[in-house]
Protein backbone atom coordinates (compact mmCIF):
# COMPACT_ATOMS: atom_id res chain seq x y z
CA MET A 1 19.65 101.90 -150.35
CA PHE A 2 16.69 99.83 -148.95
CA LYS A 3 15.09 97.81 -151.76
CA LEU A 4 11.75 96.00 -151.14
CA LYS A 5 12.71 93.27 -153.66
CA LYS A 6 15.50 92.14 -151.44
CA GLN A 7 13.19 92.00 -148.36
CA PRO A 8 10.77 88.87 -149.21
CA GLN A 9 9.58 88.56 -145.61
CA PHE A 10 8.74 92.27 -145.42
CA MET A 11 6.70 91.89 -148.50
CA PHE A 12 5.02 88.86 -147.33
CA ILE A 13 3.99 90.50 -143.78
CA LEU A 14 2.89 93.58 -145.40
CA CYS A 15 0.53 91.47 -147.71
CA PHE A 16 -0.95 89.88 -144.57
CA ILE A 17 -1.35 93.14 -142.92
CA LEU A 18 -3.17 94.71 -145.77
CA SER A 19 -5.25 91.83 -146.98
CA PRO A 20 -7.67 91.78 -143.88
CA LEU A 21 -7.88 95.63 -143.74
CA LEU A 22 -8.89 95.53 -147.36
CA ALA A 23 -11.46 92.57 -146.53
CA TYR A 24 -12.87 94.90 -143.78
CA ALA A 25 -13.20 97.86 -146.07
CA ALA A 26 -14.96 95.86 -148.80
CA SER A 27 -17.54 94.15 -146.63
CA LEU A 28 -20.50 96.01 -145.04
CA GLY A 29 -21.24 92.88 -142.95
CA ASP A 30 -21.12 91.97 -139.29
CA HIS A 31 -22.17 88.66 -137.74
CA PHE A 32 -22.95 90.34 -134.32
CA ASP A 33 -21.19 87.46 -132.49
CA GLY A 34 -19.77 89.75 -129.83
CA PRO A 35 -18.35 90.73 -127.53
CA GLY A 36 -18.47 94.08 -129.60
CA LEU A 37 -19.05 95.09 -133.21
CA LYS A 38 -16.45 93.46 -135.26
CA ASN A 39 -16.60 95.59 -138.36
CA PRO A 40 -14.78 98.74 -137.72
CA ASN A 41 -16.61 100.93 -140.28
CA TRP A 42 -19.89 101.18 -138.13
CA LYS A 43 -20.91 104.62 -136.93
CA TRP A 44 -23.74 105.53 -134.49
CA GLN A 45 -26.26 108.15 -134.79
CA SER A 46 -27.70 108.79 -131.38
CA GLU A 47 -25.89 106.00 -129.71
CA PRO A 48 -28.27 104.15 -127.36
CA LYS A 49 -27.63 104.26 -123.61
CA LYS A 50 -28.12 100.57 -123.36
CA TRP A 51 -26.97 98.21 -126.16
CA ASP A 52 -24.64 95.15 -126.27
CA VAL A 53 -23.46 92.56 -128.67
CA GLY A 54 -23.84 88.84 -127.41
CA LYS A 55 -24.21 89.88 -123.75
CA THR A 56 -28.04 89.83 -123.52
CA THR A 57 -28.71 87.37 -126.36
CA LYS A 58 -25.85 85.39 -127.55
CA GLY A 59 -24.98 86.05 -131.42
CA TRP A 60 -27.42 89.21 -131.44
CA LEU A 61 -26.99 92.98 -131.37
CA HIS A 62 -29.30 94.15 -128.44
CA ILE A 63 -30.77 97.70 -128.55
CA VAL A 64 -32.86 99.32 -125.74
CA PRO A 65 -34.60 101.97 -127.93
CA GLU A 66 -35.56 105.42 -126.33
CA LEU A 67 -38.68 107.46 -126.45
CA ASN A 68 -39.58 110.04 -129.29
CA GLN A 69 -37.32 108.24 -131.89
CA ASN A 70 -38.64 107.71 -135.49
CA LEU A 71 -37.77 107.79 -138.98
CA TRP A 72 -40.42 109.54 -140.97
CA ALA A 73 -40.80 113.37 -141.01
CA SER A 74 -37.31 113.57 -139.55
CA ASP A 75 -34.59 111.12 -138.68
CA THR A 76 -34.45 111.04 -134.81
CA SER A 77 -33.73 107.22 -134.63
CA ILE A 78 -31.06 105.19 -133.18
CA ARG A 79 -29.22 104.33 -136.41
CA LEU A 80 -26.01 102.16 -136.88
CA TYR A 81 -24.59 102.67 -140.29
CA GLN A 82 -21.71 102.49 -142.63
CA GLU A 83 -20.88 104.70 -145.53
CA THR A 84 -20.78 103.33 -149.11
CA SER A 85 -20.99 104.57 -152.57
CA ASP A 86 -21.26 101.16 -154.23
CA ASP A 87 -24.18 99.08 -155.28
CA PHE A 88 -25.05 96.60 -152.44
CA ASP A 89 -27.04 93.60 -151.52
CA VAL A 90 -27.55 93.26 -147.74
CA GLU A 91 -29.87 91.38 -145.42
CA THR A 92 -30.83 91.26 -141.68
CA HIS A 93 -32.99 89.41 -139.29
CA VAL A 94 -34.78 91.77 -136.62
CA VAL A 95 -36.80 90.80 -133.58
CA MET A 96 -38.85 93.59 -131.94
CA ASP A 97 -40.40 92.85 -128.41
CA TYR A 98 -42.57 95.97 -127.49
CA LYS A 99 -45.20 97.19 -125.05
CA THR A 100 -45.98 100.59 -126.66
CA GLY A 101 -48.01 101.97 -129.52
CA CYS A 102 -45.12 102.68 -131.90
CA ILE A 103 -41.68 100.94 -132.46
CA VAL A 104 -39.72 101.11 -135.42
CA SER A 105 -36.58 99.08 -136.95
CA GLY A 106 -35.25 98.16 -140.32
CA ILE A 107 -32.78 98.68 -143.11
CA VAL A 108 -32.28 102.18 -144.25
CA ALA A 109 -30.11 103.78 -147.04
CA LYS A 110 -29.97 107.60 -146.44
CA GLY A 111 -28.48 110.39 -148.46
CA PRO A 112 -27.27 112.81 -145.65
CA LYS A 113 -26.93 115.82 -148.06
CA GLU A 114 -30.37 115.29 -149.21
CA ASP A 115 -31.79 114.55 -145.70
CA ASN A 116 -33.82 111.75 -147.47
CA TRP A 117 -33.82 107.95 -147.38
CA THR A 118 -35.33 104.82 -148.52
CA THR A 119 -36.27 102.31 -145.95
CA LEU A 120 -37.82 98.95 -145.27
CA LYS A 121 -39.46 99.89 -142.07
CA PHE A 122 -40.81 97.29 -139.62
CA TRP A 123 -43.30 99.29 -137.76
CA GLY A 124 -44.94 97.86 -134.55
CA ARG A 125 -48.16 99.50 -133.53
CA ALA A 126 -50.90 98.90 -130.93
CA GLY A 127 -52.69 96.15 -132.89
CA ASP A 128 -50.00 94.63 -135.05
CA ALA A 129 -46.66 94.97 -136.63
CA ILE A 130 -46.42 95.66 -140.39
CA LEU A 131 -43.65 96.08 -142.97
CA GLN A 132 -43.55 99.19 -144.97
CA TRP A 133 -41.47 100.47 -147.86
CA GLN A 134 -40.86 104.37 -147.36
CA HIS A 135 -38.81 107.60 -148.40
CA LYS A 136 -38.95 110.50 -146.10
CA GLN A 137 -42.63 111.26 -145.42
CA GLN A 138 -43.37 109.15 -148.54
CA GLU A 139 -45.11 105.65 -148.70
CA ILE A 140 -44.01 103.53 -151.52
CA VAL A 141 -45.90 100.36 -149.99
CA ALA A 142 -47.93 101.47 -146.89
CA ASN A 143 -48.47 97.87 -145.71
CA VAL A 144 -46.55 95.03 -147.45
CA PRO A 145 -49.18 92.33 -148.10
CA GLY A 146 -48.96 89.33 -145.77
CA SER A 147 -46.48 91.01 -143.40
CA SER A 148 -48.86 91.71 -140.55
CA GLN A 149 -48.08 90.10 -137.13
CA PRO A 150 -49.89 90.29 -133.84
CA ALA A 151 -48.34 93.02 -131.46
CA GLY A 152 -45.74 91.94 -128.87
CA ARG A 153 -42.72 89.81 -129.94
CA VAL A 154 -42.46 90.01 -133.75
CA GLU A 155 -39.83 89.23 -136.22
CA VAL A 156 -38.97 89.55 -139.96
CA PHE A 157 -36.17 88.98 -142.38
CA LEU A 158 -35.33 91.98 -144.52
CA ARG A 159 -33.16 92.54 -147.72
CA MET A 160 -32.24 95.59 -149.63
CA VAL A 161 -30.55 95.72 -152.97
CA ARG A 162 -29.13 98.92 -154.67
CA LYS A 163 -28.68 98.91 -158.44
CA GLY A 164 -27.66 102.52 -159.34
CA ASP A 165 -30.67 104.76 -158.41
CA THR A 166 -32.92 101.80 -158.09
CA TYR A 167 -33.58 99.99 -154.75
CA GLU A 168 -35.13 96.53 -154.37
CA GLY A 169 -36.81 95.34 -151.27
CA TYR A 170 -37.28 91.67 -150.16
CA TRP A 171 -38.73 90.04 -146.96
CA LYS A 172 -39.66 86.85 -145.50
CA LYS A 173 -41.18 85.70 -142.08
CA ALA A 174 -38.83 82.59 -141.46
CA GLU A 175 -35.33 81.77 -142.46
CA LYS A 176 -36.43 78.72 -144.43
CA ASP A 177 -38.75 80.83 -146.49
CA SER A 178 -37.94 82.08 -150.00
CA TRP A 179 -37.44 85.75 -150.35
CA THR A 180 -40.68 87.69 -151.53
CA LYS A 181 -39.98 90.84 -153.54
CA ILE A 182 -41.67 94.00 -152.69
CA THR A 183 -43.14 95.84 -155.63
CA PRO A 184 -42.83 98.49 -156.91
CA ASP A 185 -39.09 99.29 -156.65
CA ALA A 186 -38.05 102.30 -154.85
CA ASN A 187 -36.28 105.04 -156.97
CA ARG A 188 -34.18 107.73 -155.32
CA LYS A 189 -31.01 109.72 -156.52
CA PHE A 190 -28.65 110.51 -153.60
CA THR A 191 -25.39 112.24 -153.41
CA MET A 192 -22.69 109.75 -152.50
CA PRO A 193 -21.73 108.48 -150.11
CA LEU A 194 -24.77 106.76 -148.61
CA GLU A 195 -25.24 105.90 -145.04
CA LEU A 196 -26.51 102.32 -145.06
CA GLY A 197 -27.56 100.46 -142.04
CA ILE A 198 -30.12 99.54 -139.45
CA TYR A 199 -32.11 101.39 -136.79
CA ALA A 200 -34.45 101.36 -133.81
CA GLY A 201 -36.86 103.74 -131.93
CA ILE A 202 -39.88 104.18 -129.93
CA CYS A 203 -42.12 106.61 -131.84
CA THR A 204 -44.07 108.07 -128.98
CA GLY A 205 -43.25 109.65 -125.49
CA ALA A 206 -44.14 106.45 -123.53
CA GLY A 207 -43.62 102.69 -123.72
CA GLU A 208 -40.86 100.05 -123.52
CA ALA A 209 -39.23 97.78 -126.05
CA THR A 210 -36.15 95.91 -127.18
CA VAL A 211 -35.00 95.66 -130.68
CA GLU A 212 -32.54 92.91 -131.72
CA TYR A 213 -30.63 92.10 -134.95
CA GLU A 214 -29.06 88.75 -135.47
CA TYR A 215 -26.67 89.87 -138.28
CA PHE A 216 -26.11 92.25 -141.02
CA ASN A 217 -24.82 90.26 -143.99
CA ASP A 218 -23.24 91.68 -147.06
CA LEU A 219 -24.13 89.10 -149.89
CA ILE A 220 -21.68 90.71 -152.35
CA ASN A 221 -18.64 90.97 -150.16
CA PRO A 222 -19.17 88.44 -147.16
CA PHE A 223 -17.56 89.67 -144.03
CA THR A 224 -14.79 87.80 -142.28
CA ALA A 225 -14.38 88.08 -138.60
CA VAL A 226 -10.58 87.61 -138.46
CA SER A 227 -8.89 90.76 -137.21
CA PRO A 228 -5.71 92.24 -138.74
CA SER A 229 -3.95 91.85 -135.42
CA ALA A 230 -4.78 88.30 -135.03
CA LYS A 231 -4.00 87.37 -138.56
CA LEU A 232 -0.58 89.21 -138.31
CA ALA A 233 0.25 87.37 -135.16
CA ALA A 234 -0.38 83.91 -136.57
CA THR A 235 1.50 84.88 -139.67
CA TRP A 236 4.45 86.20 -137.87
CA GLY A 237 4.65 83.12 -135.73
CA LYS A 238 4.76 80.87 -138.84
CA ILE A 239 7.62 83.17 -140.27
CA LYS A 240 9.72 82.85 -136.95
CA GLY A 241 9.12 79.23 -136.89
CA ARG A 242 10.85 78.61 -140.20
């Protein structure tokens, strides 16, 4: 009869197969280093016709948003998300470059069964771009103080933290800046699992824009970009060399 305890090499290999898979499962992050999305848990809602990772801009997820896509009365956005039932602490850096009267991006946690969400929405409009804290058709903070930037090429750093049914929002304009907390906190009870991620869209029927995300960092479970196959190959090579 086959007994695992008599197969130390088998157990060693099995551990190295499982450990990176578990690391992927635990982390919500992705460095967007290219050539594609590295975290296998990503899913698209309305995958854009034009997008790439690291091709247009090295080290960035590049999205060309389409017309009539928004996250307000309904969710018609381009949305890249992962499912989670856990508390989280995630951050991203987004740059929008637009020639339109309405462009959106940001971090969103959505309860699909409720068809509702909480979002840090970076909204570009004709005169300027501002940061908002919203639920579905509900403003928590309509215009985050100090967040306004002239329309055109605009950027912001965003961070969202979930603690049970409470959601905390943070933002800053530059990487070297300290996080500024957005008050009040948002409170929303969702049926698990949540769909957590980032999004893009042109809110009107005309215009052109690009939206780029530099990373999606999981501050609780940092992401490792080492793939299971690469790690297994390296490990197997070491074993064979003994």
